[in-house]
Amino acid sequence: TLLVLLLILAGAALFAKEVKIDLTNAVIVRQNKVYDPLAKDLQKHLELIGGGKVAIVPASKVPAGKYVFYVGIAPKGAKKSFKGEEGIYLVTDKAACG
């Protein structure tokens, strides 16, 4: 949802290193089909912001050099269960996951 995107961007703002994302060179990877509605909502908003097509692709088919938005995939080392609206996001210069 838009809230997820805003949380990702807010998380990026908290770190000293600035992360610039080229939305015309981005793809979305979702954990499984349960996350389709979230992935499609994120896709819609990224396309509105970035002005281009953002594909939803399987993790095994991510083209080299693409910025990846992972939906439903927590960063390595993150706890596996969350309560209610709790979550964790990690934004780097290569990908955003959470």
N, C-alpha and C. Protein backbone atom coordinates (compact mmCIF):
# COMPACT_ATOMS: atom_id res chain seq x y z
N THR A 1 0.84 -1.18 0.00
CA THR A 1 0.00 0.00 0.00
C THR A 1 0.88 1.24 0.00
N LEU A 2 0.25 2.38 -0.09
CA LEU A 2 1.00 3.63 -0.06
C LEU A 2 1.72 3.75 1.28
N LEU A 3 1.11 3.24 2.33
CA LEU A 3 1.73 3.28 3.65
C LEU A 3 3.06 2.53 3.64
N VAL A 4 3.11 1.40 2.97
CA VAL A 4 4.35 0.62 2.89
C VAL A 4 5.43 1.43 2.19
N LEU A 5 5.09 2.06 1.08
CA LEU A 5 6.04 2.88 0.35
C LEU A 5 6.53 4.03 1.22
N LEU A 6 5.62 4.69 1.92
CA LEU A 6 6.01 5.79 2.78
C LEU A 6 6.91 5.33 3.90
N LEU A 7 6.63 4.15 4.46
CA LEU A 7 7.49 3.61 5.51
C LEU A 7 8.88 3.29 4.97
N ILE A 8 8.94 2.76 3.76
CA ILE A 8 10.24 2.46 3.14
C ILE A 8 11.03 3.75 2.95
N LEU A 9 10.38 4.75 2.41
CA LEU A 9 11.06 6.02 2.18
C LEU A 9 11.44 6.71 3.48
N ALA A 10 10.58 6.63 4.49
CA ALA A 10 10.90 7.21 5.80
C ALA A 10 12.08 6.49 6.43
N GLY A 11 12.14 5.18 6.28
CA GLY A 11 13.27 4.41 6.80
C GLY A 11 14.56 4.83 6.14
N ALA A 12 14.52 5.08 4.85
CA ALA A 12 15.72 5.53 4.13
C ALA A 12 16.18 6.87 4.65
N ALA A 13 15.25 7.73 5.04
CA ALA A 13 15.60 9.06 5.52
C ALA A 13 16.28 9.03 6.88
N LEU A 14 16.12 7.96 7.63
CA LEU A 14 16.71 7.86 8.96
C LEU A 14 18.20 7.54 8.94
N PHE A 15 18.71 7.06 7.84
CA PHE A 15 20.11 6.68 7.75
C PHE A 15 20.92 7.81 7.14
N ALA A 16 22.23 7.87 7.51
CA ALA A 16 23.10 8.92 7.01
C ALA A 16 23.31 8.82 5.50
N LYS A 17 23.33 7.61 4.99
CA LYS A 17 23.56 7.41 3.56
C LYS A 17 22.27 7.65 2.79
N GLU A 18 22.34 8.51 1.80
CA GLU A 18 21.17 8.77 0.96
C GLU A 18 21.01 7.65 -0.05
N VAL A 19 19.79 7.17 -0.20
CA VAL A 19 19.50 6.11 -1.17
C VAL A 19 18.63 6.71 -2.26
N LYS A 20 19.15 6.70 -3.49
CA LYS A 20 18.38 7.19 -4.63
C LYS A 20 17.90 5.98 -5.42
N ILE A 21 16.60 5.95 -5.69
CA ILE A 21 15.99 4.83 -6.38
C ILE A 21 15.50 5.29 -7.75
N ASP A 22 15.98 4.63 -8.79
CA ASP A 22 15.51 4.89 -10.15
C ASP A 22 14.32 3.97 -10.40
N LEU A 23 13.12 4.51 -10.28
CA LEU A 23 11.91 3.69 -10.41
C LEU A 23 11.72 3.15 -11.81
N THR A 24 12.39 3.73 -12.81
CA THR A 24 12.30 3.19 -14.17
C THR A 24 13.18 1.95 -14.33
N ASN A 25 13.99 1.65 -13.31
CA ASN A 25 14.87 0.48 -13.34
C ASN A 25 14.58 -0.42 -12.13
N ALA A 26 13.31 -0.56 -11.77
CA ALA A 26 12.93 -1.31 -10.58
C ALA A 26 11.97 -2.45 -10.92
N VAL A 27 11.99 -3.47 -10.07
CA VAL A 27 11.03 -4.58 -10.15
C VAL A 27 10.53 -4.89 -8.75
N ILE A 28 9.44 -5.64 -8.69
CA ILE A 28 8.87 -6.07 -7.41
C ILE A 28 8.90 -7.59 -7.37
N VAL A 29 9.35 -8.13 -6.23
CA VAL A 29 9.34 -9.57 -5.98
C VAL A 29 8.48 -9.79 -4.75
N ARG A 30 7.49 -10.69 -4.86
CA ARG A 30 6.64 -10.98 -3.70
C ARG A 30 6.94 -12.40 -3.23
N GLN A 31 6.77 -12.61 -1.91
CA GLN A 31 7.09 -13.91 -1.31
C GLN A 31 6.26 -15.03 -1.92
N ASN A 32 4.96 -14.83 -2.00
CA ASN A 32 4.06 -15.83 -2.61
C ASN A 32 2.77 -15.13 -3.02
N LYS A 33 1.84 -15.88 -3.58
CA LYS A 33 0.61 -15.29 -4.14
C LYS A 33 -0.25 -14.59 -3.10
N VAL A 34 -0.09 -14.91 -1.83
CA VAL A 34 -0.84 -14.22 -0.78
C VAL A 34 -0.53 -12.72 -0.82
N TYR A 35 0.66 -12.37 -1.27
CA TYR A 35 1.09 -10.98 -1.31
C TYR A 35 0.76 -10.28 -2.63
N ASP A 36 0.04 -10.93 -3.52
CA ASP A 36 -0.32 -10.32 -4.80
C ASP A 36 -1.02 -8.97 -4.64
N PRO A 37 -2.04 -8.86 -3.77
CA PRO A 37 -2.70 -7.54 -3.64
C PRO A 37 -1.74 -6.44 -3.20
N LEU A 38 -0.84 -6.74 -2.28
CA LEU A 38 0.13 -5.73 -1.83
C LEU A 38 1.11 -5.39 -2.94
N ALA A 39 1.59 -6.41 -3.64
CA ALA A 39 2.54 -6.17 -4.74
C ALA A 39 1.89 -5.33 -5.83
N LYS A 40 0.64 -5.61 -6.16
CA LYS A 40 -0.05 -4.85 -7.21
C LYS A 40 -0.32 -3.42 -6.76
N ASP A 41 -0.62 -3.23 -5.49
CA ASP A 41 -0.84 -1.88 -4.98
C ASP A 41 0.48 -1.09 -5.01
N LEU A 42 1.56 -1.72 -4.59
CA LEU A 42 2.87 -1.07 -4.64
C LEU A 42 3.23 -0.75 -6.09
N GLN A 43 2.98 -1.69 -7.00
CA GLN A 43 3.26 -1.48 -8.42
C GLN A 43 2.52 -0.24 -8.94
N LYS A 44 1.24 -0.14 -8.62
CA LYS A 44 0.42 1.00 -9.06
C LYS A 44 1.03 2.32 -8.60
N HIS A 45 1.40 2.39 -7.33
CA HIS A 45 1.92 3.64 -6.78
C HIS A 45 3.32 3.95 -7.30
N LEU A 46 4.16 2.94 -7.46
CA LEU A 46 5.50 3.18 -8.01
C LEU A 46 5.40 3.68 -9.45
N GLU A 47 4.47 3.13 -10.21
CA GLU A 47 4.28 3.57 -11.60
C GLU A 47 3.75 5.00 -11.66
N LEU A 48 2.88 5.36 -10.73
CA LEU A 48 2.38 6.74 -10.68
C LEU A 48 3.49 7.72 -10.32
N ILE A 49 4.35 7.32 -9.39
CA ILE A 49 5.45 8.19 -8.96
C ILE A 49 6.56 8.24 -10.01
N GLY A 50 6.91 7.06 -10.54
CA GLY A 50 8.07 6.97 -11.43
C GLY A 50 7.79 7.21 -12.89
N GLY A 51 6.54 7.15 -13.30
CA GLY A 51 6.19 7.42 -14.68
C GLY A 51 6.53 6.31 -15.66
N GLY A 52 6.73 5.09 -15.18
CA GLY A 52 7.03 3.98 -16.08
C GLY A 52 6.51 2.68 -15.53
N LYS A 53 6.70 1.61 -16.28
CA LYS A 53 6.23 0.27 -15.88
C LYS A 53 7.18 -0.34 -14.87
N VAL A 54 6.63 -0.91 -13.79
CA VAL A 54 7.39 -1.65 -12.80
C VAL A 54 6.83 -3.07 -12.78
N ALA A 55 7.63 -4.04 -13.20
CA ALA A 55 7.17 -5.42 -13.32
C ALA A 55 7.19 -6.14 -11.96
N ILE A 56 6.28 -7.10 -11.82
CA ILE A 56 6.31 -8.03 -10.69
C ILE A 56 6.89 -9.33 -11.24
N VAL A 57 8.03 -9.75 -10.69
CA VAL A 57 8.74 -10.91 -11.23
C VAL A 57 9.05 -11.91 -10.12
N PRO A 58 9.24 -13.20 -10.47
CA PRO A 58 9.68 -14.18 -9.46
C PRO A 58 11.11 -13.88 -9.03
N ALA A 59 11.45 -14.25 -7.81
CA ALA A 59 12.80 -14.01 -7.30
C ALA A 59 13.87 -14.61 -8.19
N SER A 60 13.55 -15.73 -8.84
CA SER A 60 14.52 -16.40 -9.71
C SER A 60 14.72 -15.69 -11.04
N LYS A 61 13.89 -14.70 -11.34
CA LYS A 61 13.95 -14.04 -12.65
C LYS A 61 14.24 -12.54 -12.56
N VAL A 62 14.90 -12.10 -11.48
CA VAL A 62 15.22 -10.68 -11.34
C VAL A 62 16.37 -10.35 -12.30
N PRO A 63 16.14 -9.44 -13.24
CA PRO A 63 17.22 -9.07 -14.16
C PRO A 63 18.36 -8.38 -13.42
N ALA A 64 19.57 -8.61 -13.86
CA ALA A 64 20.74 -7.99 -13.24
C ALA A 64 20.63 -6.48 -13.31
N GLY A 65 21.06 -5.83 -12.25
CA GLY A 65 21.10 -4.38 -12.23
C GLY A 65 19.80 -3.69 -11.86
N LYS A 66 18.75 -4.45 -11.59
CA LYS A 66 17.46 -3.86 -11.23
C LYS A 66 17.41 -3.56 -9.73
N TYR A 67 16.71 -2.49 -9.36
CA TYR A 67 16.42 -2.22 -7.96
C TYR A 67 15.21 -3.06 -7.61
N VAL A 68 15.29 -3.80 -6.51
CA VAL A 68 14.22 -4.76 -6.16
C VAL A 68 13.46 -4.31 -4.92
N PHE A 69 12.14 -4.26 -5.05
CA PHE A 69 11.26 -4.07 -3.90
C PHE A 69 10.73 -5.45 -3.54
N TYR A 70 11.14 -5.97 -2.39
CA TYR A 70 10.67 -7.28 -1.92
C TYR A 70 9.43 -7.07 -1.06
N VAL A 71 8.35 -7.79 -1.36
CA VAL A 71 7.10 -7.69 -0.61
C VAL A 71 6.88 -8.99 0.16
N GLY A 72 6.80 -8.88 1.50
CA GLY A 72 6.58 -10.05 2.33
C GLY A 72 7.86 -10.84 2.59
N ILE A 73 9.00 -10.27 2.29
CA ILE A 73 10.28 -10.92 2.50
C ILE A 73 11.09 -10.03 3.44
N ALA A 74 11.28 -10.50 4.66
CA ALA A 74 11.99 -9.71 5.66
C ALA A 74 13.50 -9.75 5.41
N PRO A 75 14.21 -8.72 5.87
CA PRO A 75 15.67 -8.73 5.74
C PRO A 75 16.28 -9.90 6.50
N LYS A 76 17.45 -10.35 6.06
CA LYS A 76 18.15 -11.43 6.75
C LYS A 76 18.38 -11.04 8.20
N GLY A 77 18.15 -11.98 9.10
CA GLY A 77 18.37 -11.75 10.52
C GLY A 77 17.18 -11.14 11.25
N ALA A 78 16.14 -10.75 10.53
CA ALA A 78 14.96 -10.16 11.16
C ALA A 78 14.12 -11.26 11.81
N LYS A 79 13.40 -10.88 12.87
CA LYS A 79 12.53 -11.87 13.49
C LYS A 79 11.45 -12.28 12.51
N LYS A 80 10.90 -13.44 12.69
CA LYS A 80 9.97 -14.01 11.70
C LYS A 80 8.50 -13.73 11.95
N SER A 81 8.12 -13.37 13.16
CA SER A 81 6.70 -13.11 13.40
C SER A 81 6.51 -11.72 13.99
N PHE A 82 5.42 -11.10 13.59
CA PHE A 82 5.12 -9.75 14.03
C PHE A 82 3.69 -9.67 14.52
N LYS A 83 3.42 -8.67 15.34
CA LYS A 83 2.07 -8.47 15.87
C LYS A 83 1.38 -7.35 15.09
N GLY A 84 0.12 -7.57 14.76
CA GLY A 84 -0.70 -6.52 14.14
C GLY A 84 -0.02 -5.83 12.97
N GLU A 85 0.18 -4.53 13.09
CA GLU A 85 0.77 -3.71 12.03
C GLU A 85 2.29 -3.60 12.16
N GLU A 86 2.88 -4.36 13.07
CA GLU A 86 4.32 -4.31 13.28
C GLU A 86 5.05 -4.88 12.06
N GLY A 87 6.20 -4.36 11.76
CA GLY A 87 6.98 -4.87 10.64
C GLY A 87 8.39 -4.34 10.68
N ILE A 88 9.21 -4.79 9.75
CA ILE A 88 10.59 -4.32 9.65
C ILE A 88 10.91 -4.11 8.17
N TYR A 89 11.64 -3.07 7.89
CA TYR A 89 12.02 -2.74 6.52
C TYR A 89 13.50 -2.42 6.48
N LEU A 90 14.15 -2.80 5.41
CA LEU A 90 15.55 -2.47 5.19
C LEU A 90 15.66 -1.91 3.79
N VAL A 91 16.22 -0.71 3.69
CA VAL A 91 16.39 -0.05 2.40
C VAL A 91 17.88 0.13 2.16
N THR A 92 18.37 -0.40 1.04
CA THR A 92 19.76 -0.23 0.65
C THR A 92 19.80 0.36 -0.76
N ASP A 93 20.99 0.54 -1.28
CA ASP A 93 21.09 1.06 -2.65
C ASP A 93 20.81 -0.01 -3.69
N LYS A 94 20.55 -1.27 -3.27
CA LYS A 94 20.25 -2.37 -4.19
C LYS A 94 18.82 -2.88 -4.09
N ALA A 95 18.20 -2.74 -2.90
CA ALA A 95 16.87 -3.31 -2.70
C ALA A 95 16.20 -2.73 -1.46
N ALA A 96 14.88 -2.93 -1.41
CA ALA A 96 14.08 -2.60 -0.22
C ALA A 96 13.29 -3.85 0.12
N CYS A 97 13.36 -4.28 1.37
CA CYS A 97 12.60 -5.47 1.75
C CYS A 97 11.91 -5.26 3.08
N GLY A 98 10.85 -6.03 3.25
CA GLY A 98 10.11 -5.95 4.49
C GLY A 98 8.76 -6.57 4.38
